[in-house]
Amino acid sequence: MYRLCGGGGVAGGGPKTQQMGVVFPHCPPPALHHQLGHAPAHRALPTTRKKTWSFVHDLSYDTFFTMKRLIERSRRPDEVLRWISQNPSKVSQSHLAVALQRIAQLLPAPPPAAEATPLSSGGGAKADRKQILEHQDFVFLCDAVERDCGKFDNFSLVTCLYAAATLGLSPSSSLVSVLESECERRVGSV
């Protein structure tokens, strides 16, 4: 009639201990588990692979989005560079694009070529801009973007190109050249 399923008794008990379990009206005897396709109660479920995102790589969800949030909430370009340079193990390719974009947003826009005169005002902002663009961590960021742009998704690639244009980088600079060639390679492969 009714069988005891999920028994097993007390750990270390031995044959004299009473078997404990839950009574189910339709639980087949242990010999029929393999015939009916039921797994025994003591067998563990198969492990499943944890879902990962291609842009996160080896980072946890929390680490990825915390770093992204820190970069996006930075108020100065040197703060963005500090987050990137001091946490290299927590930086993914997506963070590189976000950092370059955030620096472009925070730096004052370069003066148009026609309006640039030696007597123009705003020399302090121009000096700050030059200091950031020549900063060792900014050069490291640009090198990382150049090195990893083949692994970027299309959105990150375009974000980096827009950021380079906003920063006023020369079209002949190595960063712009590498980004353009990667875009052309992807467009040509479609």
N, C-alpha and C. Protein backbone atom coordinates (compact mmCIF):
# COMPACT_ATOMS: atom_id res chain seq x y z
N MET A 1 0.81 -1.18 0.00
CA MET A 1 0.00 0.00 0.00
C MET A 1 0.86 1.26 0.00
N TYR A 2 1.22 1.73 1.20
CA TYR A 2 2.03 2.94 1.32
C TYR A 2 3.47 2.58 1.61
N ARG A 3 4.40 3.28 0.92
CA ARG A 3 5.83 3.05 1.13
C ARG A 3 6.46 4.25 1.80
N LEU A 4 7.57 4.00 2.41
CA LEU A 4 8.36 5.04 3.03
C LEU A 4 9.39 5.51 2.01
N CYS A 5 9.34 6.79 1.59
CA CYS A 5 10.32 7.33 0.64
C CYS A 5 11.21 8.33 1.34
N GLY A 6 12.45 8.40 0.89
CA GLY A 6 13.38 9.39 1.43
C GLY A 6 13.88 9.00 2.79
N GLY A 7 13.86 7.72 3.11
CA GLY A 7 14.32 7.25 4.41
C GLY A 7 15.82 7.32 4.52
N GLY A 8 16.37 6.60 5.40
CA GLY A 8 17.81 6.58 5.56
C GLY A 8 18.18 6.52 7.02
N GLY A 9 17.25 6.78 7.90
CA GLY A 9 17.51 6.66 9.31
C GLY A 9 18.41 7.73 9.86
N VAL A 10 18.95 7.46 11.02
CA VAL A 10 19.82 8.40 11.71
C VAL A 10 21.25 8.12 11.28
N ALA A 11 22.02 9.17 11.05
CA ALA A 11 23.40 9.01 10.61
C ALA A 11 24.19 8.24 11.65
N GLY A 12 24.91 7.21 11.18
CA GLY A 12 25.75 6.41 12.07
C GLY A 12 24.95 5.46 12.92
N GLY A 13 23.70 5.30 12.61
CA GLY A 13 22.82 4.51 13.45
C GLY A 13 23.05 3.02 13.36
N GLY A 14 23.12 2.45 12.23
CA GLY A 14 23.28 1.02 12.10
C GLY A 14 21.94 0.35 11.83
N PRO A 15 21.92 -0.96 11.76
CA PRO A 15 20.71 -1.67 11.36
C PRO A 15 19.59 -1.63 12.38
N LYS A 16 19.88 -1.36 13.65
CA LYS A 16 18.84 -1.39 14.68
C LYS A 16 18.05 -0.09 14.76
N THR A 17 18.52 1.01 14.09
CA THR A 17 17.80 2.28 14.18
C THR A 17 16.56 2.24 13.30
N GLN A 18 15.57 2.96 13.72
CA GLN A 18 14.32 3.00 12.98
C GLN A 18 14.47 3.90 11.75
N GLN A 19 13.94 3.47 10.62
CA GLN A 19 14.02 4.26 9.40
C GLN A 19 13.00 5.38 9.45
N MET A 20 13.45 6.60 9.04
CA MET A 20 12.57 7.76 9.08
C MET A 20 12.32 8.20 7.66
N GLY A 21 11.17 8.72 7.39
CA GLY A 21 10.87 9.18 6.05
C GLY A 21 9.47 9.73 5.96
N VAL A 22 9.05 10.00 4.73
CA VAL A 22 7.73 10.54 4.46
C VAL A 22 6.93 9.48 3.73
N VAL A 23 5.70 9.32 4.10
CA VAL A 23 4.86 8.31 3.48
C VAL A 23 4.16 8.91 2.26
N PHE A 24 4.37 8.26 1.10
CA PHE A 24 3.71 8.66 -0.13
C PHE A 24 2.91 7.48 -0.65
N PRO A 25 1.69 7.70 -1.13
CA PRO A 25 0.86 6.59 -1.56
C PRO A 25 1.35 5.94 -2.84
N HIS A 26 2.10 6.60 -3.68
CA HIS A 26 2.44 6.02 -4.98
C HIS A 26 3.95 5.97 -5.22
N CYS A 27 4.73 5.77 -4.20
CA CYS A 27 6.18 5.73 -4.36
C CYS A 27 6.59 4.29 -4.70
N PRO A 28 7.26 4.07 -5.84
CA PRO A 28 7.62 2.71 -6.23
C PRO A 28 8.74 2.16 -5.35
N PRO A 29 8.84 0.85 -5.29
CA PRO A 29 9.94 0.26 -4.52
C PRO A 29 11.28 0.64 -5.15
N PRO A 30 12.38 0.64 -4.38
CA PRO A 30 13.68 1.06 -4.89
C PRO A 30 14.13 0.29 -6.12
N ALA A 31 13.75 -0.94 -6.26
CA ALA A 31 14.17 -1.73 -7.41
C ALA A 31 13.54 -1.22 -8.70
N LEU A 32 12.42 -0.50 -8.63
CA LEU A 32 11.74 -0.02 -9.83
C LEU A 32 12.15 1.39 -10.25
N HIS A 33 13.02 2.06 -9.48
CA HIS A 33 13.41 3.43 -9.82
C HIS A 33 13.98 3.51 -11.23
N HIS A 34 14.86 2.59 -11.57
CA HIS A 34 15.49 2.65 -12.89
C HIS A 34 14.50 2.34 -14.00
N GLN A 35 13.50 1.51 -13.75
CA GLN A 35 12.53 1.16 -14.77
C GLN A 35 11.53 2.30 -15.02
N LEU A 36 11.17 3.03 -13.99
CA LEU A 36 10.17 4.08 -14.12
C LEU A 36 10.79 5.44 -14.42
N GLY A 37 12.10 5.54 -14.37
CA GLY A 37 12.76 6.81 -14.68
C GLY A 37 12.81 7.77 -13.52
N HIS A 38 12.52 7.30 -12.32
CA HIS A 38 12.59 8.16 -11.14
C HIS A 38 14.00 8.10 -10.57
N ALA A 39 14.48 9.22 -10.08
CA ALA A 39 15.78 9.24 -9.42
C ALA A 39 15.59 8.93 -7.95
N PRO A 40 16.47 8.13 -7.37
CA PRO A 40 16.37 7.87 -5.93
C PRO A 40 16.49 9.18 -5.15
N ALA A 41 15.92 9.20 -3.95
CA ALA A 41 15.90 10.42 -3.15
C ALA A 41 17.30 10.86 -2.73
N HIS A 42 18.25 9.94 -2.61
CA HIS A 42 19.59 10.30 -2.13
C HIS A 42 20.50 10.82 -3.24
N ARG A 43 20.11 10.69 -4.49
CA ARG A 43 20.95 11.12 -5.60
C ARG A 43 20.81 12.63 -5.81
N ALA A 44 21.94 13.30 -5.98
CA ALA A 44 21.93 14.75 -6.19
C ALA A 44 21.51 15.07 -7.62
N LEU A 45 20.88 16.21 -7.79
CA LEU A 45 20.49 16.66 -9.11
C LEU A 45 21.74 17.03 -9.91
N PRO A 46 21.70 16.87 -11.23
CA PRO A 46 22.88 17.22 -12.02
C PRO A 46 23.17 18.72 -11.91
N THR A 47 24.44 19.04 -11.85
CA THR A 47 24.81 20.45 -11.74
C THR A 47 24.66 21.12 -13.09
N THR A 48 24.19 22.35 -13.07
CA THR A 48 24.04 23.11 -14.30
C THR A 48 25.08 24.20 -14.32
N ARG A 49 25.48 24.57 -15.49
CA ARG A 49 26.49 25.60 -15.66
C ARG A 49 25.85 26.96 -15.43
N LYS A 50 26.52 27.80 -14.66
CA LYS A 50 26.01 29.13 -14.37
C LYS A 50 26.02 29.97 -15.63
N LYS A 51 24.93 30.68 -15.86
CA LYS A 51 24.83 31.53 -17.04
C LYS A 51 25.76 32.72 -16.90
N THR A 52 26.54 32.97 -17.93
CA THR A 52 27.43 34.13 -17.93
C THR A 52 27.13 34.97 -19.14
N TRP A 53 27.46 36.23 -19.07
CA TRP A 53 27.29 37.14 -20.19
C TRP A 53 28.62 37.32 -20.88
N SER A 54 28.60 37.48 -22.18
CA SER A 54 29.85 37.61 -22.92
C SER A 54 30.61 38.87 -22.53
N PHE A 55 29.92 39.91 -22.07
CA PHE A 55 30.62 41.13 -21.73
C PHE A 55 31.15 41.13 -20.30
N VAL A 56 30.74 40.18 -19.49
CA VAL A 56 31.18 40.15 -18.10
C VAL A 56 32.44 39.31 -17.94
N HIS A 57 32.61 38.28 -18.73
CA HIS A 57 33.76 37.37 -18.67
C HIS A 57 33.83 36.72 -17.30
N ASP A 58 34.92 36.90 -16.59
CA ASP A 58 35.11 36.21 -15.31
C ASP A 58 34.63 37.01 -14.11
N LEU A 59 34.00 38.14 -14.34
CA LEU A 59 33.55 38.97 -13.23
C LEU A 59 32.17 38.56 -12.77
N SER A 60 31.92 38.73 -11.49
CA SER A 60 30.57 38.49 -11.00
C SER A 60 29.67 39.64 -11.45
N TYR A 61 28.41 39.39 -11.40
CA TYR A 61 27.41 40.41 -11.77
C TYR A 61 27.61 41.67 -10.94
N ASP A 62 27.74 41.49 -9.62
CA ASP A 62 27.89 42.64 -8.72
C ASP A 62 29.16 43.42 -9.00
N THR A 63 30.27 42.72 -9.21
CA THR A 63 31.55 43.39 -9.48
C THR A 63 31.47 44.18 -10.77
N PHE A 64 30.90 43.58 -11.81
CA PHE A 64 30.81 44.26 -13.10
C PHE A 64 30.02 45.55 -12.99
N PHE A 65 28.82 45.47 -12.43
CA PHE A 65 27.96 46.65 -12.38
C PHE A 65 28.41 47.67 -11.33
N THR A 66 29.08 47.22 -10.28
CA THR A 66 29.64 48.18 -9.32
C THR A 66 30.72 49.01 -9.98
N MET A 67 31.62 48.36 -10.71
CA MET A 67 32.69 49.10 -11.40
C MET A 67 32.10 50.04 -12.45
N LYS A 68 31.11 49.57 -13.17
CA LYS A 68 30.47 50.42 -14.19
C LYS A 68 29.83 51.65 -13.54
N ARG A 69 29.17 51.44 -12.41
CA ARG A 69 28.53 52.54 -11.70
C ARG A 69 29.56 53.53 -11.17
N LEU A 70 30.68 53.03 -10.65
CA LEU A 70 31.73 53.92 -10.15
C LEU A 70 32.30 54.79 -11.26
N ILE A 71 32.50 54.20 -12.42
CA ILE A 71 33.03 54.96 -13.56
C ILE A 71 32.01 56.01 -14.00
N GLU A 72 30.75 55.61 -14.13
CA GLU A 72 29.72 56.53 -14.61
C GLU A 72 29.43 57.67 -13.63
N ARG A 73 29.65 57.45 -12.35
CA ARG A 73 29.38 58.48 -11.35
C ARG A 73 30.59 59.35 -11.04
N SER A 74 31.70 59.08 -11.66
CA SER A 74 32.90 59.89 -11.43
C SER A 74 32.65 61.32 -11.88
N ARG A 75 33.24 62.27 -11.16
CA ARG A 75 33.01 63.68 -11.46
C ARG A 75 34.19 64.35 -12.14
N ARG A 76 35.34 63.66 -12.17
CA ARG A 76 36.53 64.23 -12.79
C ARG A 76 37.21 63.15 -13.63
N PRO A 77 37.88 63.52 -14.70
CA PRO A 77 38.56 62.53 -15.54
C PRO A 77 39.63 61.74 -14.78
N ASP A 78 40.35 62.40 -13.87
CA ASP A 78 41.39 61.67 -13.13
C ASP A 78 40.78 60.63 -12.19
N GLU A 79 39.55 60.85 -11.76
CA GLU A 79 38.85 59.86 -10.93
C GLU A 79 38.52 58.61 -11.75
N VAL A 80 38.08 58.81 -12.98
CA VAL A 80 37.81 57.68 -13.88
C VAL A 80 39.09 56.88 -14.09
N LEU A 81 40.17 57.58 -14.37
CA LEU A 81 41.46 56.91 -14.60
C LEU A 81 41.92 56.16 -13.36
N ARG A 82 41.67 56.71 -12.20
CA ARG A 82 42.06 56.04 -10.96
C ARG A 82 41.29 54.73 -10.78
N TRP A 83 39.97 54.73 -11.05
CA TRP A 83 39.19 53.50 -10.92
C TRP A 83 39.72 52.41 -11.85
N ILE A 84 40.04 52.81 -13.08
CA ILE A 84 40.52 51.83 -14.07
C ILE A 84 41.90 51.31 -13.70
N SER A 85 42.80 52.21 -13.34
CA SER A 85 44.19 51.79 -13.10
C SER A 85 44.37 51.04 -11.79
N GLN A 86 43.57 51.33 -10.77
CA GLN A 86 43.75 50.68 -9.48
C GLN A 86 42.99 49.35 -9.36
N ASN A 87 42.16 49.04 -10.33
CA ASN A 87 41.37 47.80 -10.28
C ASN A 87 41.46 47.02 -11.58
N PRO A 88 42.66 46.69 -12.05
CA PRO A 88 42.77 46.04 -13.36
C PRO A 88 42.09 44.68 -13.44
N SER A 89 42.01 43.96 -12.33
CA SER A 89 41.37 42.64 -12.36
C SER A 89 39.85 42.74 -12.42
N LYS A 90 39.30 43.93 -12.18
CA LYS A 90 37.85 44.11 -12.17
C LYS A 90 37.37 44.89 -13.38
N VAL A 91 38.23 45.06 -14.37
CA VAL A 91 37.90 45.86 -15.55
C VAL A 91 37.72 44.93 -16.74
N SER A 92 36.57 45.03 -17.40
CA SER A 92 36.31 44.26 -18.62
C SER A 92 36.39 45.19 -19.82
N GLN A 93 36.22 44.62 -21.01
CA GLN A 93 36.26 45.44 -22.23
C GLN A 93 35.16 46.49 -22.22
N SER A 94 34.01 46.16 -21.69
CA SER A 94 32.91 47.13 -21.64
C SER A 94 33.26 48.31 -20.75
N HIS A 95 34.01 48.06 -19.68
CA HIS A 95 34.42 49.15 -18.80
C HIS A 95 35.36 50.11 -19.52
N LEU A 96 36.20 49.59 -20.41
CA LEU A 96 37.13 50.46 -21.14
C LEU A 96 36.36 51.47 -21.98
N ALA A 97 35.33 51.00 -22.67
CA ALA A 97 34.52 51.89 -23.50
C ALA A 97 33.77 52.91 -22.64
N VAL A 98 33.23 52.46 -21.51
CA VAL A 98 32.49 53.36 -20.62
C VAL A 98 33.44 54.41 -20.05
N ALA A 99 34.66 54.01 -19.69
CA ALA A 99 35.63 54.95 -19.13
C ALA A 99 36.04 56.00 -20.15
N LEU A 100 36.31 55.56 -21.38
CA LEU A 100 36.70 56.51 -22.43
C LEU A 100 35.56 57.50 -22.69
N GLN A 101 34.34 57.00 -22.73
CA GLN A 101 33.18 57.86 -22.94
C GLN A 101 33.01 58.85 -21.78
N ARG A 102 33.19 58.38 -20.56
CA ARG A 102 33.01 59.26 -19.39
C ARG A 102 34.08 60.35 -19.37
N ILE A 103 35.30 60.02 -19.72
CA ILE A 103 36.37 61.03 -19.78
C ILE A 103 36.03 62.07 -20.84
N ALA A 104 35.51 61.61 -21.97
CA ALA A 104 35.13 62.55 -23.04
C ALA A 104 34.01 63.48 -22.57
N GLN A 105 33.10 62.98 -21.75
CA GLN A 105 32.01 63.81 -21.23
C GLN A 105 32.52 64.84 -20.22
N LEU A 106 33.51 64.45 -19.42
CA LEU A 106 33.97 65.31 -18.34
C LEU A 106 34.99 66.36 -18.77
N LEU A 107 35.76 66.07 -19.80
CA LEU A 107 36.75 67.04 -20.26
C LEU A 107 36.07 68.16 -21.03
N PRO A 108 36.56 69.38 -20.90
CA PRO A 108 35.99 70.46 -21.71
C PRO A 108 36.27 70.20 -23.18
N ALA A 109 35.32 70.57 -24.01
CA ALA A 109 35.45 70.33 -25.46
C ALA A 109 36.63 71.12 -26.01
N PRO A 110 37.34 70.52 -26.98
CA PRO A 110 38.45 71.25 -27.58
C PRO A 110 37.92 72.42 -28.41
N PRO A 111 38.65 73.51 -28.47
CA PRO A 111 38.18 74.64 -29.28
C PRO A 111 38.26 74.27 -30.75
N PRO A 112 37.28 74.73 -31.55
CA PRO A 112 37.34 74.48 -32.99
C PRO A 112 38.62 75.09 -33.56
N ALA A 113 39.14 74.51 -34.62
CA ALA A 113 40.42 74.94 -35.19
C ALA A 113 40.37 76.40 -35.64
N ALA A 114 39.24 76.87 -36.15
CA ALA A 114 39.13 78.25 -36.64
C ALA A 114 39.15 79.25 -35.49
N GLU A 115 38.66 78.86 -34.31
CA GLU A 115 38.58 79.78 -33.18
C GLU A 115 39.81 79.72 -32.28
N ALA A 116 40.68 78.76 -32.48
CA ALA A 116 41.84 78.60 -31.61
C ALA A 116 42.86 79.68 -31.92
N THR A 117 43.04 80.57 -30.97
CA THR A 117 44.04 81.63 -31.11
C THR A 117 44.92 81.61 -29.88
N PRO A 118 46.13 82.10 -29.98
CA PRO A 118 47.01 82.08 -28.82
C PRO A 118 46.50 82.93 -27.66
N LEU A 119 45.65 83.92 -27.91
CA LEU A 119 45.17 84.81 -26.87
C LEU A 119 43.80 84.41 -26.33
N SER A 120 43.29 83.25 -26.75
CA SER A 120 41.94 82.86 -26.32
C SER A 120 41.93 82.56 -24.83
N SER A 121 40.78 82.80 -24.20
CA SER A 121 40.65 82.56 -22.77
C SER A 121 40.45 81.07 -22.52
N GLY A 122 40.50 80.67 -21.26
CA GLY A 122 40.30 79.27 -20.91
C GLY A 122 41.59 78.49 -20.96
N GLY A 123 42.70 79.12 -20.70
CA GLY A 123 43.99 78.44 -20.72
C GLY A 123 44.08 77.36 -19.67
N GLY A 124 43.40 77.55 -18.51
CA GLY A 124 43.43 76.54 -17.46
C GLY A 124 42.75 75.26 -17.89
N ALA A 125 41.61 75.38 -18.55
CA ALA A 125 40.89 74.20 -19.03
C ALA A 125 41.70 73.48 -20.09
N LYS A 126 42.37 74.25 -20.95
CA LYS A 126 43.19 73.66 -22.00
C LYS A 126 44.37 72.90 -21.39
N ALA A 127 44.95 73.46 -20.34
CA ALA A 127 46.07 72.80 -19.66
C ALA A 127 45.60 71.51 -18.99
N ASP A 128 44.42 71.56 -18.34
CA ASP A 128 43.86 70.36 -17.71
C ASP A 128 43.61 69.27 -18.75
N ARG A 129 43.08 69.68 -19.88
CA ARG A 129 42.78 68.75 -20.96
C ARG A 129 44.06 68.07 -21.44
N LYS A 130 45.08 68.87 -21.69
CA LYS A 130 46.35 68.33 -22.17
C LYS A 130 46.97 67.40 -21.12
N GLN A 131 46.85 67.79 -19.86
CA GLN A 131 47.41 66.98 -18.78
C GLN A 131 46.73 65.61 -18.72
N ILE A 132 45.42 65.57 -18.87
CA ILE A 132 44.70 64.29 -18.85
C ILE A 132 45.06 63.45 -20.07
N LEU A 133 45.07 64.06 -21.25
CA LEU A 133 45.34 63.30 -22.48
C LEU A 133 46.77 62.76 -22.52
N GLU A 134 47.67 63.36 -21.76
CA GLU A 134 49.05 62.87 -21.72
C GLU A 134 49.33 62.06 -20.46
N HIS A 135 48.34 61.91 -19.60
CA HIS A 135 48.49 61.18 -18.35
C HIS A 135 48.82 59.71 -18.65
N GLN A 136 49.69 59.12 -17.84
CA GLN A 136 50.12 57.75 -18.05
C GLN A 136 48.93 56.77 -18.03
N ASP A 137 47.98 56.98 -17.14
CA ASP A 137 46.82 56.09 -17.05
C ASP A 137 45.90 56.24 -18.26
N PHE A 138 45.81 57.45 -18.83
CA PHE A 138 45.01 57.63 -20.04
C PHE A 138 45.67 56.91 -21.21
N VAL A 139 46.99 56.99 -21.30
CA VAL A 139 47.73 56.28 -22.35
C VAL A 139 47.52 54.77 -22.18
N PHE A 140 47.54 54.29 -20.93
CA PHE A 140 47.29 52.88 -20.65
C PHE A 140 45.88 52.49 -21.09
N LEU A 141 44.90 53.35 -20.80
CA LEU A 141 43.51 53.10 -21.21
C LEU A 141 43.41 52.99 -22.73
N CYS A 142 44.03 53.92 -23.44
CA CYS A 142 44.00 53.90 -24.91
C CYS A 142 44.68 52.65 -25.45
N ASP A 143 45.80 52.26 -24.84
CA ASP A 143 46.49 51.04 -25.26
C ASP A 143 45.62 49.81 -25.05
N ALA A 144 44.90 49.77 -23.92
CA ALA A 144 44.01 48.64 -23.64
C ALA A 144 42.86 48.60 -24.64
N VAL A 145 42.32 49.75 -25.00
CA VAL A 145 41.25 49.81 -26.00
C VAL A 145 41.77 49.31 -27.34
N GLU A 146 42.96 49.76 -27.73
CA GLU A 146 43.56 49.31 -29.00
C GLU A 146 43.77 47.81 -29.00
N ARG A 147 44.29 47.29 -27.89
CA ARG A 147 44.62 45.87 -27.79
C ARG A 147 43.36 45.00 -27.81
N ASP A 148 42.29 45.45 -27.14
CA ASP A 148 41.11 44.61 -26.95
C ASP A 148 39.93 44.95 -27.83
N CYS A 149 40.06 45.91 -28.74
CA CYS A 149 38.88 46.34 -29.51
C CYS A 149 38.32 45.22 -30.38
N GLY A 150 39.11 44.23 -30.72
CA GLY A 150 38.60 43.09 -31.47
C GLY A 150 37.60 42.27 -30.67
N LYS A 151 37.64 42.38 -29.35
CA LYS A 151 36.73 41.65 -28.48
C LYS A 151 35.49 42.47 -28.11
N PHE A 152 35.46 43.74 -28.48
CA PHE A 152 34.34 44.61 -28.14
C PHE A 152 33.09 44.20 -28.91
N ASP A 153 31.94 44.47 -28.32
CA ASP A 153 30.71 44.37 -29.09
C ASP A 153 30.60 45.63 -29.94
N ASN A 154 29.67 45.63 -30.88
CA ASN A 154 29.55 46.76 -31.80
C ASN A 154 29.26 48.08 -31.08
N PHE A 155 28.43 48.02 -30.06
CA PHE A 155 28.07 49.23 -29.33
C PHE A 155 29.30 49.84 -28.66
N SER A 156 30.12 49.02 -28.01
CA SER A 156 31.33 49.52 -27.35
C SER A 156 32.31 50.10 -28.35
N LEU A 157 32.40 49.47 -29.51
CA LEU A 157 33.30 49.96 -30.55
C LEU A 157 32.88 51.35 -31.02
N VAL A 158 31.60 51.53 -31.28
CA VAL A 158 31.09 52.83 -31.72
C VAL A 158 31.22 53.86 -30.60
N THR A 159 30.97 53.44 -29.37
CA THR A 159 31.13 54.34 -28.22
C THR A 159 32.56 54.87 -28.13
N CYS A 160 33.53 54.00 -28.35
CA CYS A 160 34.94 54.43 -28.31
C CYS A 160 35.25 55.39 -29.45
N LEU A 161 34.70 55.15 -30.63
CA LEU A 161 34.93 56.07 -31.75
C LEU A 161 34.34 57.45 -31.47
N TYR A 162 33.13 57.48 -30.94
CA TYR A 162 32.52 58.77 -30.59
C TYR A 162 33.33 59.48 -29.50
N ALA A 163 33.79 58.72 -28.52
CA ALA A 163 34.58 59.32 -27.44
C ALA A 163 35.89 59.89 -27.98
N ALA A 164 36.53 59.16 -28.89
CA ALA A 164 37.78 59.65 -29.49
C ALA A 164 37.53 60.95 -30.26
N ALA A 165 36.40 61.01 -30.97
CA ALA A 165 36.07 62.23 -31.71
C ALA A 165 35.76 63.38 -30.75
N THR A 166 35.03 63.09 -29.67
CA THR A 166 34.70 64.11 -28.68
C THR A 166 35.96 64.63 -27.99
N LEU A 167 36.91 63.74 -27.76
CA LEU A 167 38.17 64.15 -27.12
C LEU A 167 39.05 64.96 -28.07
N GLY A 168 38.72 64.95 -29.35
CA GLY A 168 39.50 65.70 -30.32
C GLY A 168 40.78 65.00 -30.72
N LEU A 169 40.80 63.67 -30.59
CA LEU A 169 41.99 62.92 -30.99
C LEU A 169 42.16 63.00 -32.50
N SER A 170 43.38 63.04 -32.92
CA SER A 170 43.69 63.15 -34.34
C SER A 170 43.23 61.89 -35.08
N PRO A 171 42.69 62.05 -36.30
CA PRO A 171 42.30 60.87 -37.08
C PRO A 171 43.50 59.97 -37.40
N SER A 172 44.69 60.52 -37.32
CA SER A 172 45.88 59.71 -37.59
C SER A 172 46.46 59.06 -36.32
N SER A 173 45.81 59.29 -35.17
CA SER A 173 46.31 58.67 -33.93
C SER A 173 46.12 57.16 -34.01
N SER A 174 46.95 56.45 -33.26
CA SER A 174 46.88 54.98 -33.33
C SER A 174 45.54 54.46 -32.83
N LEU A 175 44.96 55.09 -31.80
CA LEU A 175 43.67 54.64 -31.28
C LEU A 175 42.58 54.74 -32.34
N VAL A 176 42.48 55.89 -32.98
CA VAL A 176 41.44 56.10 -33.99
C VAL A 176 41.68 55.16 -35.18
N SER A 177 42.92 54.98 -35.58
CA SER A 177 43.23 54.09 -36.71
C SER A 177 42.81 52.66 -36.43
N VAL A 178 43.14 52.17 -35.23
CA VAL A 178 42.79 50.79 -34.87
C VAL A 178 41.27 50.62 -34.79
N LEU A 179 40.58 51.59 -34.18
CA LEU A 179 39.12 51.50 -34.08
C LEU A 179 38.46 51.53 -35.46
N GLU A 180 38.94 52.41 -36.33
CA GLU A 180 38.38 52.49 -37.69
C GLU A 180 38.62 51.20 -38.46
N SER A 181 39.82 50.65 -38.36
CA SER A 181 40.11 49.41 -39.09
C SER A 181 39.26 48.25 -38.57
N GLU A 182 39.01 48.21 -37.26
CA GLU A 182 38.15 47.16 -36.71
C GLU A 182 36.71 47.33 -37.20
N CYS A 183 36.23 48.57 -37.28
CA CYS A 183 34.88 48.82 -37.81
C CYS A 183 34.79 48.39 -39.27
N GLU A 184 35.80 48.74 -40.06
CA GLU A 184 35.81 48.37 -41.48
C GLU A 184 35.86 46.85 -41.65
N ARG A 185 36.63 46.18 -40.78
CA ARG A 185 36.72 44.72 -40.85
C ARG A 185 35.35 44.10 -40.58
N ARG A 186 34.64 44.62 -39.59
CA ARG A 186 33.32 44.07 -39.25
C ARG A 186 32.29 44.37 -40.32
N VAL A 187 32.34 45.55 -40.89
CA VAL A 187 31.39 45.90 -41.95
C VAL A 187 31.66 45.05 -43.18
N GLY A 188 32.94 44.81 -43.48
CA GLY A 188 33.31 44.00 -44.63
C GLY A 188 32.96 42.53 -44.48
N SER A 189 32.87 42.05 -43.24
CA SER A 189 32.58 40.63 -43.02
C SER A 189 31.09 40.33 -43.00
N VAL A 190 30.25 41.35 -43.10
CA VAL A 190 28.79 41.14 -43.05
C VAL A 190 28.26 40.76 -44.39
